[in-house]
Protein backbone atom coordinates (compact mmCIF):
# COMPACT_ATOMS: atom_id res chain seq x y z
CA MET A 1 -27.73 9.53 19.44
CA THR A 2 -31.26 9.11 18.19
CA LYS A 3 -31.98 9.95 14.62
CA LYS A 4 -34.15 13.03 14.30
CA ALA A 5 -37.04 12.61 11.93
CA ALA A 6 -36.83 14.58 8.75
CA ALA A 7 -38.21 18.05 9.41
CA GLU A 8 -38.75 21.20 7.46
CA LYS A 9 -36.47 24.01 8.50
CA PRO A 10 -35.46 27.27 6.87
CA SER A 11 -32.18 27.28 4.96
CA HIS A 12 -29.71 30.14 5.03
CA ALA A 13 -31.46 31.55 1.95
CA GLY A 14 -34.88 31.42 3.60
CA GLN A 15 -35.97 28.33 1.64
CA LYS A 16 -37.46 25.33 3.40
CA ILE A 17 -35.36 22.19 3.18
CA SER A 18 -35.87 18.71 4.54
CA VAL A 19 -33.13 17.70 6.95
CA SER A 20 -32.28 14.98 9.41
CA GLU A 21 -29.20 14.28 11.42
CA LEU A 22 -26.68 11.95 9.85
CA GLN A 23 -25.89 8.72 11.67
CA PRO A 24 -22.92 6.33 11.81
CA GLY A 25 -23.12 4.02 8.82
CA ASP A 26 -24.59 6.69 6.52
CA ALA A 27 -22.61 7.63 3.42
CA ALA A 28 -20.73 10.87 3.99
CA PRO A 29 -22.27 13.59 1.79
CA ASP A 30 -19.90 14.50 -1.03
CA PHE A 31 -18.27 17.91 -1.23
CA VAL A 32 -15.85 19.92 -3.37
CA LEU A 33 -14.86 23.24 -1.78
CA PRO A 34 -12.16 25.90 -1.98
CA ALA A 35 -9.76 25.72 0.95
CA SER A 36 -6.92 27.52 2.63
CA GLY A 37 -3.58 26.99 0.92
CA GLY A 38 -5.09 27.76 -2.49
CA LYS A 39 -6.49 24.25 -2.90
CA THR A 40 -9.84 22.77 -3.82
CA ILE A 41 -10.60 19.81 -1.58
CA SER A 42 -13.15 17.04 -2.08
CA LEU A 43 -14.31 14.02 -0.15
CA ALA A 44 -12.83 11.87 -2.95
CA ASP A 45 -9.36 13.20 -2.05
CA PHE A 46 -9.57 11.12 1.13
CA HIS A 47 -10.74 7.82 -0.36
CA GLY A 48 -8.91 5.01 1.48
CA LYS A 49 -8.14 7.31 4.44
CA LYS A 50 -9.94 8.30 7.63
CA LEU A 51 -11.10 11.91 7.77
CA LEU A 52 -12.32 14.12 10.60
CA ILE A 53 -14.60 16.86 9.29
CA TYR A 54 -15.40 19.46 11.89
CA PHE A 55 -17.83 22.33 11.42
CA TYR A 56 -17.42 25.54 13.37
CA PRO A 57 -19.25 28.88 13.36
CA LYS A 58 -16.61 31.53 12.66
CA ASP A 59 -12.86 32.06 12.20
CA ASP A 60 -10.86 33.72 14.98
CA THR A 61 -13.55 33.71 17.66
CA PRO A 62 -12.77 32.38 21.17
CA GLY A 63 -14.48 28.96 20.98
CA CYS A 64 -13.50 28.34 17.36
CA THR A 65 -9.90 29.32 18.04
CA LYS A 66 -9.75 26.99 21.06
CA GLN A 67 -11.19 24.18 18.95
CA ALA A 68 -8.87 24.68 15.95
CA CYS A 69 -5.73 25.11 18.07
CA ALA A 70 -6.50 21.99 20.14
CA LEU A 71 -6.81 19.93 16.96
CA SER A 72 -3.66 21.45 15.48
CA GLU A 73 -1.68 20.80 18.68
CA ASN A 74 -2.79 17.15 18.60
CA MET A 75 -2.09 16.43 14.93
CA THR A 76 0.73 14.02 15.81
CA ALA A 77 -1.66 11.85 17.84
CA LEU A 78 -4.37 12.15 15.17
CA ASN A 79 -1.88 11.27 12.41
CA LYS A 80 -0.78 8.16 14.35
CA LEU A 81 -4.37 6.99 13.89
CA SER A 82 -4.09 7.78 10.16
CA LEU A 83 -6.64 10.55 10.57
CA ALA A 84 -6.69 13.61 8.30
CA VAL A 85 -8.54 16.75 9.47
CA VAL A 86 -10.47 19.50 7.70
CA GLY A 87 -12.43 22.35 9.24
CA VAL A 88 -15.51 23.86 7.58
CA SER A 89 -17.27 27.19 8.05
CA LYS A 90 -19.02 29.74 5.88
CA ASP A 91 -16.07 32.14 6.16
CA SER A 92 -14.21 33.15 2.99
CA VAL A 93 -10.94 31.56 1.89
CA ALA A 94 -9.23 34.90 2.67
CA SER A 95 -10.56 34.75 6.24
CA HIS A 96 -9.41 31.12 6.52
CA GLU A 97 -5.91 32.07 5.31
CA LYS A 98 -5.61 34.72 8.04
CA PHE A 99 -6.88 32.28 10.69
CA VAL A 100 -4.52 29.49 9.59
CA ASN A 101 -1.53 31.84 9.48
CA LYS A 102 -2.31 33.62 12.76
CA PHE A 103 -2.45 30.35 14.73
CA GLY A 104 -0.21 28.08 12.60
CA LEU A 105 -2.98 25.55 12.00
CA LYS A 106 -1.74 22.26 10.51
CA PHE A 107 -4.80 21.33 8.45
CA PRO A 108 -6.90 23.00 5.75
CA LEU A 109 -10.05 25.01 6.32
CA LEU A 110 -12.82 24.72 3.71
CA SER A 111 -14.99 27.66 2.69
CA ASP A 112 -18.66 26.70 2.39
CA LYS A 113 -19.82 30.22 1.47
CA ASP A 114 -23.19 29.12 0.06
CA GLY A 115 -23.83 26.73 2.97
CA ASP A 116 -24.54 23.68 0.80
CA MET A 117 -22.21 21.36 2.71
CA CYS A 118 -23.47 22.67 6.06
CA GLU A 119 -27.04 21.89 5.04
CA ARG A 120 -26.23 18.40 3.72
CA TYR A 121 -24.43 17.52 6.96
CA GLY A 122 -27.35 18.91 9.01
CA VAL A 123 -25.30 21.53 10.89
CA TRP A 124 -27.03 24.69 9.57
CA GLY A 125 -30.02 25.76 11.61
CA GLU A 126 -31.68 28.10 14.01
CA LYS A 127 -29.69 29.04 17.10
CA THR A 128 -30.49 31.23 20.09
CA PHE A 129 -28.07 33.54 21.90
CA MET A 130 -29.20 35.85 24.70
CA GLY A 131 -32.81 35.38 23.67
CA LYS A 132 -32.19 36.31 20.03
CA LYS A 133 -32.78 33.72 17.29
CA TYR A 134 -30.57 33.53 14.22
CA MET A 135 -29.32 31.02 11.65
CA GLY A 136 -25.87 29.54 12.13
CA ILE A 137 -23.58 26.51 12.21
CA THR A 138 -23.90 24.02 15.05
CA ARG A 139 -20.40 22.95 16.07
CA SER A 140 -20.25 19.30 14.97
CA CYS A 141 -17.79 16.51 14.08
CA PHE A 142 -17.94 13.66 11.59
CA LEU A 143 -15.47 10.82 11.38
CA VAL A 144 -15.45 9.39 7.85
CA ASP A 145 -13.99 5.91 7.36
CA GLU A 146 -11.77 4.73 4.50
CA ASN A 147 -14.85 3.82 2.43
CA GLY A 148 -16.58 7.19 2.70
CA ARG A 149 -19.07 6.13 5.38
CA LEU A 150 -19.62 7.90 8.68
CA ALA A 151 -17.96 5.96 11.47
CA ALA A 152 -18.94 8.44 14.20
CA VAL A 153 -21.06 11.60 14.42
CA GLN A 154 -21.32 14.25 17.11
CA TYR A 155 -23.62 17.27 16.85
CA GLY A 156 -23.19 20.10 19.36
CA VAL A 157 -19.61 19.25 20.30
CA LYS A 158 -17.86 21.44 22.88
CA PRO A 159 -14.51 22.87 21.71
CA GLU A 160 -12.63 21.49 24.72
CA GLU A 161 -14.02 17.95 24.22
CA GLN A 162 -13.47 17.54 20.48
CA VAL A 163 -9.92 16.15 20.51
CA ALA A 164 -10.74 13.45 23.08
CA TRP A 165 -13.87 12.54 21.10
CA ALA A 166 -11.93 12.34 17.82
CA LEU A 167 -9.14 10.21 19.32
CA ALA A 168 -11.62 7.78 20.90
CA ALA A 169 -13.78 7.59 17.76
CA ALA A 170 -10.80 6.95 15.46
CA LYS A 171 -9.44 3.98 17.46
């Protein structure tokens, strides 16, 4: 993937921010967020471990459900590669709890209500659906290595392709 030049784009609050896509080898942007299960989770919690961070638009919608369930169903294979998983959206912790419980998800979901993590990972931006423009999360995946650096990055991932991508990237 080619690195996009830094560009001005509106943030979720209407402010202009400078963003560029992250690349393999970049340091993973730090985070500390509330999560399902009543926890607060940070990047530092995974120091010395591999971590798959996936961003998705909204809990309990068809594509996001397909994506989350596919990851959950493949946790044994992901764990064999010593890979932990967290999902991130702007949904509330309460929404995440319902989503996790409804589908029996085997990993935590982080609530990025203010969108700070989404912006730092370059996944928040303008989208178009049926000719209408709006701001939202671009479905994306980041594989963080044991040292907190990005080993692999995929923006615009398709829900049905994420597990295969994650397994290949983690090997």
